[in-house]
Protein backbone atom coordinates (compact mmCIF):
# COMPACT_ATOMS: atom_id res chain seq x y z
CA MET A 1 24.00 -13.46 6.31
CA ASP A 2 24.77 -17.18 6.21
CA GLN A 3 26.19 -18.38 2.77
CA ALA A 4 23.79 -21.27 2.74
CA ILE A 5 20.78 -18.97 3.23
CA PHE A 6 22.05 -16.40 0.57
CA GLU A 7 22.42 -19.13 -2.02
CA ALA A 8 19.06 -20.59 -1.29
CA LEU A 9 17.51 -17.22 -1.71
CA LEU A 10 19.13 -16.65 -5.11
CA SER A 11 17.81 -20.09 -6.29
CA VAL A 12 14.21 -18.76 -5.88
CA ALA A 13 14.77 -15.28 -6.92
CA SER A 14 13.20 -15.60 -10.49
CA LEU A 15 9.64 -14.85 -11.10
CA PRO A 16 8.47 -18.37 -11.93
CA SER A 17 9.79 -19.41 -8.44
CA LEU A 18 7.80 -16.97 -6.46
CA ARG A 19 5.12 -19.43 -5.54
CA ARG A 20 7.92 -21.52 -3.90
CA ILE A 21 8.73 -18.66 -1.51
CA SER A 22 5.14 -18.73 -0.15
CA ALA A 23 5.51 -22.34 0.72
CA GLY A 24 9.02 -21.94 2.45
CA VAL A 25 12.55 -22.51 1.49
CA LYS A 26 14.54 -25.46 2.64
CA VAL A 27 18.06 -24.49 3.94
CA ALA A 28 20.46 -26.78 5.42
CA GLY A 29 17.75 -29.32 6.32
CA ALA A 30 15.29 -26.83 7.80
CA TRP A 31 12.47 -24.87 6.38
CA LEU A 32 12.41 -21.18 6.30
CA GLN A 33 8.61 -20.09 6.52
CA PRO A 34 7.78 -16.57 5.06
CA GLU A 35 6.85 -13.96 7.70
CA LYS A 36 3.32 -13.36 7.92
CA HIS A 37 2.10 -9.84 7.42
CA PRO A 38 0.64 -8.32 10.62
CA TYR A 39 -2.32 -6.87 8.87
CA THR A 40 -3.62 -9.83 7.03
CA GLY A 41 -6.47 -10.85 9.47
CA ALA A 42 -9.98 -9.98 8.30
CA VAL A 43 -11.63 -7.00 9.94
CA ARG A 44 -15.31 -7.41 10.75
CA GLU A 45 -18.05 -4.90 9.86
CA ALA A 46 -19.08 -2.90 12.94
CA PRO A 47 -22.85 -2.86 13.77
CA LEU A 48 -24.49 0.48 13.70
CA ASP A 49 -27.10 1.67 16.18
CA ASP A 50 -29.51 4.50 16.53
CA SER A 51 -29.87 5.98 19.96
CA GLY A 52 -32.22 8.61 18.99
CA SER A 53 -30.29 11.21 16.74
CA GLY A 54 -28.65 8.87 13.98
CA LEU A 55 -26.41 5.88 13.49
CA ALA A 56 -23.10 5.19 15.42
CA PRO A 57 -20.93 2.24 15.89
CA ALA A 58 -22.01 -0.35 18.31
CA GLY A 59 -18.63 -2.37 18.08
CA ASP A 60 -15.29 -2.28 16.66
CA GLY A 61 -14.62 -2.64 12.90
CA TRP A 62 -15.09 -0.97 9.61
CA PHE A 63 -18.37 0.65 8.54
CA VAL A 64 -19.94 3.03 6.12
CA VAL A 65 -22.60 5.74 6.92
CA ASN A 66 -24.02 8.72 5.30
CA VAL A 67 -23.84 12.09 7.19
CA ARG A 68 -27.53 12.39 6.81
CA ASP A 69 -27.90 9.00 8.75
CA ALA A 70 -25.17 9.38 11.13
CA GLN A 71 -25.49 10.36 14.87
CA TRP A 72 -25.53 14.12 15.59
CA LEU A 73 -25.10 16.13 18.72
CA THR A 74 -26.06 19.59 19.38
CA SER A 75 -25.47 22.24 22.26
CA GLN A 76 -28.46 24.43 20.97
CA ASN A 77 -31.13 25.81 23.08
CA GLY A 78 -29.58 25.17 26.49
CA ASP A 79 -29.14 27.20 29.64
CA LYS A 80 -25.43 27.92 28.96
CA LYS A 81 -23.21 28.94 26.07
CA PRO A 82 -23.54 26.97 22.89
CA SER A 83 -20.54 25.63 20.98
CA GLY A 84 -22.27 24.35 17.86
CA SER A 85 -23.36 20.91 16.50
CA GLU A 86 -21.25 18.01 15.42
CA CYS A 87 -21.03 14.51 13.84
CA SER A 88 -18.26 12.54 15.01
CA PHE A 89 -19.00 9.27 13.46
CA GLU A 90 -17.82 7.47 16.59
CA SER A 91 -19.77 6.56 19.76
CA GLN A 92 -18.80 7.21 23.30
CA GLU A 93 -18.50 3.41 23.81
CA PHE A 94 -16.51 2.86 20.63
CA GLU A 95 -14.09 5.74 19.88
CA PHE A 96 -11.52 5.84 17.26
CA SER A 97 -8.12 4.99 18.69
CA GLN A 98 -5.78 6.82 16.32
CA LEU A 99 -7.63 9.55 14.56
CA GLY A 100 -10.55 11.86 15.61
CA ILE A 101 -12.60 13.15 12.78
CA ARG A 102 -15.95 15.04 12.76
CA LEU A 103 -18.08 17.68 11.10
CA HIS A 104 -18.65 20.71 13.15
CA VAL A 105 -21.30 23.18 12.30
CA LEU A 106 -21.26 26.70 13.74
CA GLU A 107 -23.97 29.53 13.61
CA PRO A 108 -22.73 33.03 13.14
CA GLY A 109 -20.96 34.46 16.22
CA GLU A 110 -20.90 30.99 17.71
CA PRO A 111 -17.35 29.53 18.76
CA ASN A 112 -16.73 25.89 18.59
CA GLY A 113 -15.10 25.99 22.03
CA LEU A 114 -12.40 27.89 23.92
CA TYR A 115 -9.08 29.25 22.24
CA HIS A 116 -6.59 26.69 23.17
CA SER A 117 -3.44 24.87 22.18
CA GLU A 118 -2.89 21.03 22.43
CA SER A 119 -0.24 18.39 22.20
CA GLU A 120 -1.51 16.78 18.99
CA GLN A 121 -1.70 17.78 15.32
CA GLU A 122 -5.06 18.88 13.92
CA ASP A 123 -6.25 19.71 10.46
CA PHE A 124 -9.45 21.75 9.34
CA LEU A 125 -11.25 22.14 6.05
CA VAL A 126 -14.06 24.44 5.50
CA LEU A 127 -16.80 22.82 3.55
CA SER A 128 -19.53 25.38 3.42
CA GLY A 129 -20.25 28.90 4.95
CA GLU A 130 -17.61 31.14 6.45
CA CYS A 131 -15.98 31.33 9.77
CA THR A 132 -13.38 33.33 11.62
CA LEU A 133 -10.15 31.56 12.58
CA LEU A 134 -8.31 32.95 15.69
CA VAL A 135 -4.79 31.57 15.54
CA GLU A 136 -1.79 32.72 17.45
CA GLY A 137 -3.23 36.18 18.22
CA GLU A 138 -4.46 36.66 14.55
CA GLU A 139 -7.72 36.63 12.65
CA ARG A 140 -8.32 35.08 9.34
CA LEU A 141 -11.67 34.79 7.53
CA LEU A 142 -12.15 31.30 6.07
CA ARG A 143 -14.54 30.40 3.19
CA PRO A 144 -15.41 26.97 1.49
CA TRP A 145 -12.26 24.88 0.65
CA ASP A 146 -9.93 26.79 2.93
CA PHE A 147 -7.64 24.40 4.77
CA PHE A 148 -5.98 25.18 8.00
CA HIS A 149 -3.07 23.12 9.26
CA SER A 150 -2.48 23.15 13.00
CA PRO A 151 0.80 21.66 14.27
CA ALA A 152 0.88 20.70 18.10
CA GLY A 153 1.05 23.75 20.20
CA THR A 154 -0.72 26.08 17.94
CA GLU A 155 -3.27 28.24 19.77
CA HIS A 156 -6.59 28.46 17.73
CA ILE A 157 -10.38 28.34 17.74
CA PHE A 158 -13.19 28.98 15.18
CA VAL A 159 -16.08 31.43 15.41
CA GLY A 160 -18.83 31.12 12.91
CA ALA A 161 -19.33 34.00 10.54
CA GLY A 162 -21.26 35.11 7.49
CA ASP A 163 -25.07 34.79 7.37
CA GLY A 164 -25.73 31.12 7.84
CA PRO A 165 -24.21 27.90 9.19
CA CYS A 166 -20.57 27.02 8.67
CA VAL A 167 -19.66 23.34 8.22
CA ILE A 168 -16.09 22.30 9.24
CA LEU A 169 -14.29 19.07 8.63
CA MET A 170 -12.00 18.51 11.70
CA ALA A 171 -9.45 15.81 12.14
CA GLY A 172 -6.87 15.33 14.95
CA ALA A 173 -4.33 12.77 15.93
CA ARG A 174 -4.73 10.64 19.02
CA SER A 175 -1.60 9.32 20.66
CA GLY A 176 -3.01 8.59 24.08
CA ASP A 177 -0.91 11.35 25.83
CA TRP A 178 -3.07 14.19 25.00
CA GLN A 179 -2.60 17.56 26.80
CA VAL A 180 -4.35 20.92 26.39
CA LEU A 181 -4.07 24.50 27.51
CA TYR A 182 -6.65 27.20 27.56
CA PRO A 183 -4.98 30.58 27.95
CA VAL A 184 -6.44 33.97 28.58
CA SER A 185 -6.78 35.86 25.23
CA GLU A 186 -8.07 39.36 24.65
CA LEU A 187 -8.62 38.46 21.11
CA ALA A 188 -10.56 35.43 21.85
CA ALA A 189 -12.51 37.20 24.63
CA ARG A 190 -13.96 39.63 22.16
CA HIS A 191 -15.44 36.62 20.45
CA GLY A 192 -16.67 35.02 23.65
CA ALA A 193 -14.07 32.22 23.24
CA SER A 194 -11.41 32.74 26.02
CA ALA A 195 -10.99 30.96 29.30
CA GLU A 196 -11.59 33.37 32.34
CA GLU A 197 -8.27 32.06 33.78
CA ALA A 198 -5.58 29.79 32.25
CA THR A 199 -6.02 26.24 32.77
CA SER A 200 -5.33 22.79 31.46
CA ASP A 201 -8.48 21.34 32.96
CA PRO A 202 -11.18 21.00 30.30
CA ARG A 203 -13.80 20.49 32.93
CA GLN A 204 -13.00 23.88 34.55
CA ALA A 205 -12.47 25.54 31.17
CA TYR A 206 -16.01 24.45 29.88
CA ALA A 207 -18.09 25.02 33.11
CA GLN A 208 -19.91 27.77 31.30
CA PHE A 209 -20.76 25.85 28.20
CA GLU A 210 -23.80 23.70 27.43
CA PRO A 211 -22.92 20.10 27.18
CA SER A 212 -23.72 18.47 23.91
CA ARG A 213 -26.78 15.92 23.68
CA ARG A 214 -27.96 13.61 21.04
CA GLU A 215 -30.09 15.65 18.84
CA ARG A 216 -30.13 17.19 15.31
CA PRO A 217 -29.65 20.96 15.25
CA SER A 218 -32.79 23.23 14.38
CA TYR A 219 -31.11 24.40 11.09
CA TRP A 220 -30.81 20.85 9.69
CA ASP A 221 -32.72 21.79 6.61
CA ARG A 222 -30.15 24.53 5.68
CA LEU A 223 -27.18 22.06 5.74
CA PRO A 224 -25.62 20.87 2.34
CA TRP A 225 -26.59 17.19 2.79
CA ALA A 226 -30.35 17.93 3.85
């Protein structure tokens, strides 16, 4: 560091002089301006719109919404295999860029998708009910407040258990370079949660599953927030 700059910084290091730092320091005839923090800009509140099954963001920004009022999707009562119901708090038009987070609800015997591994870390917390976790060829029964940490590359899927809906809080990182693999698994096949052939194409893997649609599930009144 230049000696003149060093001496100037020492001259304003005492607490009574901190206000002088915010205004800049004059060194060798030139003013050194403090560096502006990159996150000091104001973030606007995002508007929320109801498209028929609850509120979802209609723009970027911060927002607050109750689970009871948020948009819900379900795969119930279709012609293909269901995979539960969910509230992702985002919209198709305005997705979260860094972190995916949602509530997923499973009925007994219902998987939330196909046994798979992916390139991003995921974490899960059971909030109510019971489910069976299939992970790396093993089965684990999960109950309320059981937490599952899934590092990138971990094969896993959930299947509803018990005698009622199971609510799981799911979170996953989003780096922009997401990759997934759906292997063939005898264990998952016993629960109706295995791909018929190994693939990394979600469209091929989920061809037999009912697409989610905007609608609250029929068991809404049995959920904790109802």
